[in-house]
């Protein structure tokens, strides 16, 4: 394999990986925004966040229910 063929394969691979990383970053950002919006709804927050359910409880109640 010549050096130029190897270089072109490497550059094509880097472009594909870079595109994939950008797409994955955008998807994760959108999922984060959706999750944060869902946490603003009190009825859903109770089911999505364990910390919200334990808020105001004494430690003894949590360890020995």
C-alpha atoms as a PDB file:
ATOM      1  CA  UNK A   1       0.000   0.000   0.000  1.00  0.00           C
ATOM      2  CA  UNK A   2       1.437   3.321  -1.017  1.00  0.00           C
ATOM      3  CA  UNK A   3       1.774   6.208   1.346  1.00  0.00           C
ATOM      4  CA  UNK A   4      -0.815   8.343  -0.489  1.00  0.00           C
ATOM      5  CA  UNK A   5      -3.386   5.505  -0.461  1.00  0.00           C
ATOM      6  CA  UNK A   6      -2.848   5.024   3.271  1.00  0.00           C
ATOM      7  CA  UNK A   7      -3.173   8.760   3.842  1.00  0.00           C
ATOM      8  CA  UNK A   8      -6.414   9.014   1.874  1.00  0.00           C
ATOM      9  CA  UNK A   9      -7.886   6.027   3.774  1.00  0.00           C
ATOM     10  CA  UNK A  10      -6.867   7.597   7.077  1.00  0.00           C
ATOM     11  CA  UNK A  11      -8.398  10.956   6.166  1.00  0.00           C
ATOM     12  CA  UNK A  12     -11.640   9.279   5.067  1.00  0.00           C
ATOM     13  CA  UNK A  13     -11.767   7.367   8.364  1.00  0.00           C
ATOM     14  CA  UNK A  14     -11.158  10.534  10.377  1.00  0.00           C
ATOM     15  CA  UNK A  15     -13.944  12.336   8.485  1.00  0.00           C
ATOM     16  CA  UNK A  16     -16.423   9.516   9.172  1.00  0.00           C
ATOM     17  CA  UNK A  17     -15.512   9.333  12.866  1.00  0.00           C
ATOM     18  CA  UNK A  18     -15.710  13.115  13.188  1.00  0.00           C
ATOM     19  CA  UNK A  19     -19.159  13.186  11.615  1.00  0.00           C
ATOM     20  CA  UNK A  20     -20.306  10.437  13.946  1.00  0.00           C
ATOM     21  CA  UNK A  21     -19.014  12.280  16.996  1.00  0.00           C
ATOM     22  CA  UNK A  22     -20.793  15.473  15.982  1.00  0.00           C
ATOM     23  CA  UNK A  23     -24.080  13.615  15.430  1.00  0.00           C
ATOM     24  CA  UNK A  24     -23.744  11.800  18.750  1.00  0.00           C
ATOM     25  CA  UNK A  25     -23.003  15.076  20.563  1.00  0.00           C
ATOM     26  CA  UNK A  26     -26.085  16.735  19.079  1.00  0.00           C
ATOM     27  CA  UNK A  27     -28.307  13.767  20.002  1.00  0.00           C
ATOM     28  CA  UNK A  28     -26.976  13.709  23.575  1.00  0.00           C
ATOM     29  CA  UNK A  29     -27.521  17.466  23.923  1.00  0.00           C
ATOM     30  CA  UNK A  30     -31.114  17.117  22.729  1.00  0.00           C
ATOM     31  CA  UNK A  31     -31.727  14.234  25.161  1.00  0.00           C
ATOM     32  CA  UNK A  32     -30.279  16.310  27.999  1.00  0.00           C
ATOM     33  CA  UNK A  33     -32.575  19.215  27.165  1.00  0.00           C
ATOM     34  CA  UNK A  34     -35.634  16.939  27.012  1.00  0.00           C
ATOM     35  CA  UNK A  35     -34.731  15.362  30.353  1.00  0.00           C
ATOM     36  CA  UNK A  36     -34.278  18.760  31.980  1.00  0.00           C
ATOM     37  CA  UNK A  37     -37.657  19.882  30.650  1.00  0.00           C
ATOM     38  CA  UNK A  38     -39.296  16.725  32.052  1.00  0.00           C
ATOM     39  CA  UNK A  39     -37.719  17.385  35.459  1.00  0.00           C
ATOM     40  CA  UNK A  40     -39.564  20.720  35.576  1.00  0.00           C
ATOM     41  CA  UNK A  41     -42.888  18.852  35.844  1.00  0.00           C
ATOM     42  CA  UNK A  42     -43.488  18.014  39.518  1.00  0.00           C
ATOM     43  CA  UNK A  43     -45.506  14.849  38.855  1.00  0.00           C
ATOM     44  CA  UNK A  44     -42.766  13.386  36.647  1.00  0.00           C
ATOM     45  CA  UNK A  45     -39.892  14.555  38.835  1.00  0.00           C
ATOM     46  CA  UNK A  46     -41.090  12.254  41.608  1.00  0.00           C
ATOM     47  CA  UNK A  47     -40.576   9.210  39.348  1.00  0.00           C
ATOM     48  CA  UNK A  48     -37.414  10.380  37.583  1.00  0.00           C
ATOM     49  CA  UNK A  49     -35.370  11.519  40.576  1.00  0.00           C
ATOM     50  CA  UNK A  50     -34.680   9.385  43.638  1.00  0.00           C
ATOM     51  CA  UNK A  51     -33.276  12.408  45.441  1.00  0.00           C
ATOM     52  CA  UNK A  52     -36.591  14.228  45.072  1.00  0.00           C
ATOM     53  CA  UNK A  53     -38.425  11.313  46.737  1.00  0.00           C
ATOM     54  CA  UNK A  54     -35.966  11.241  49.656  1.00  0.00           C
ATOM     55  CA  UNK A  55     -36.048  14.986  50.224  1.00  0.00           C
ATOM     56  CA  UNK A  56     -37.231  15.825  53.748  1.00  0.00           C
ATOM     57  CA  UNK A  57     -36.801  12.263  55.074  1.00  0.00           C
ATOM     58  CA  UNK A  58     -34.577  11.396  58.006  1.00  0.00           C
ATOM     59  CA  UNK A  59     -31.679   9.060  57.345  1.00  0.00           C
ATOM     60  CA  UNK A  60     -33.023   6.458  59.795  1.00  0.00           C
ATOM     61  CA  UNK A  61     -36.292   6.252  57.843  1.00  0.00           C
ATOM     62  CA  UNK A  62     -34.386   5.591  54.635  1.00  0.00           C
ATOM     63  CA  UNK A  63     -32.010   2.967  56.031  1.00  0.00           C
ATOM     64  CA  UNK A  64     -34.575   1.160  58.232  1.00  0.00           C
ATOM     65  CA  UNK A  65     -38.019   1.678  56.692  1.00  0.00           C
END
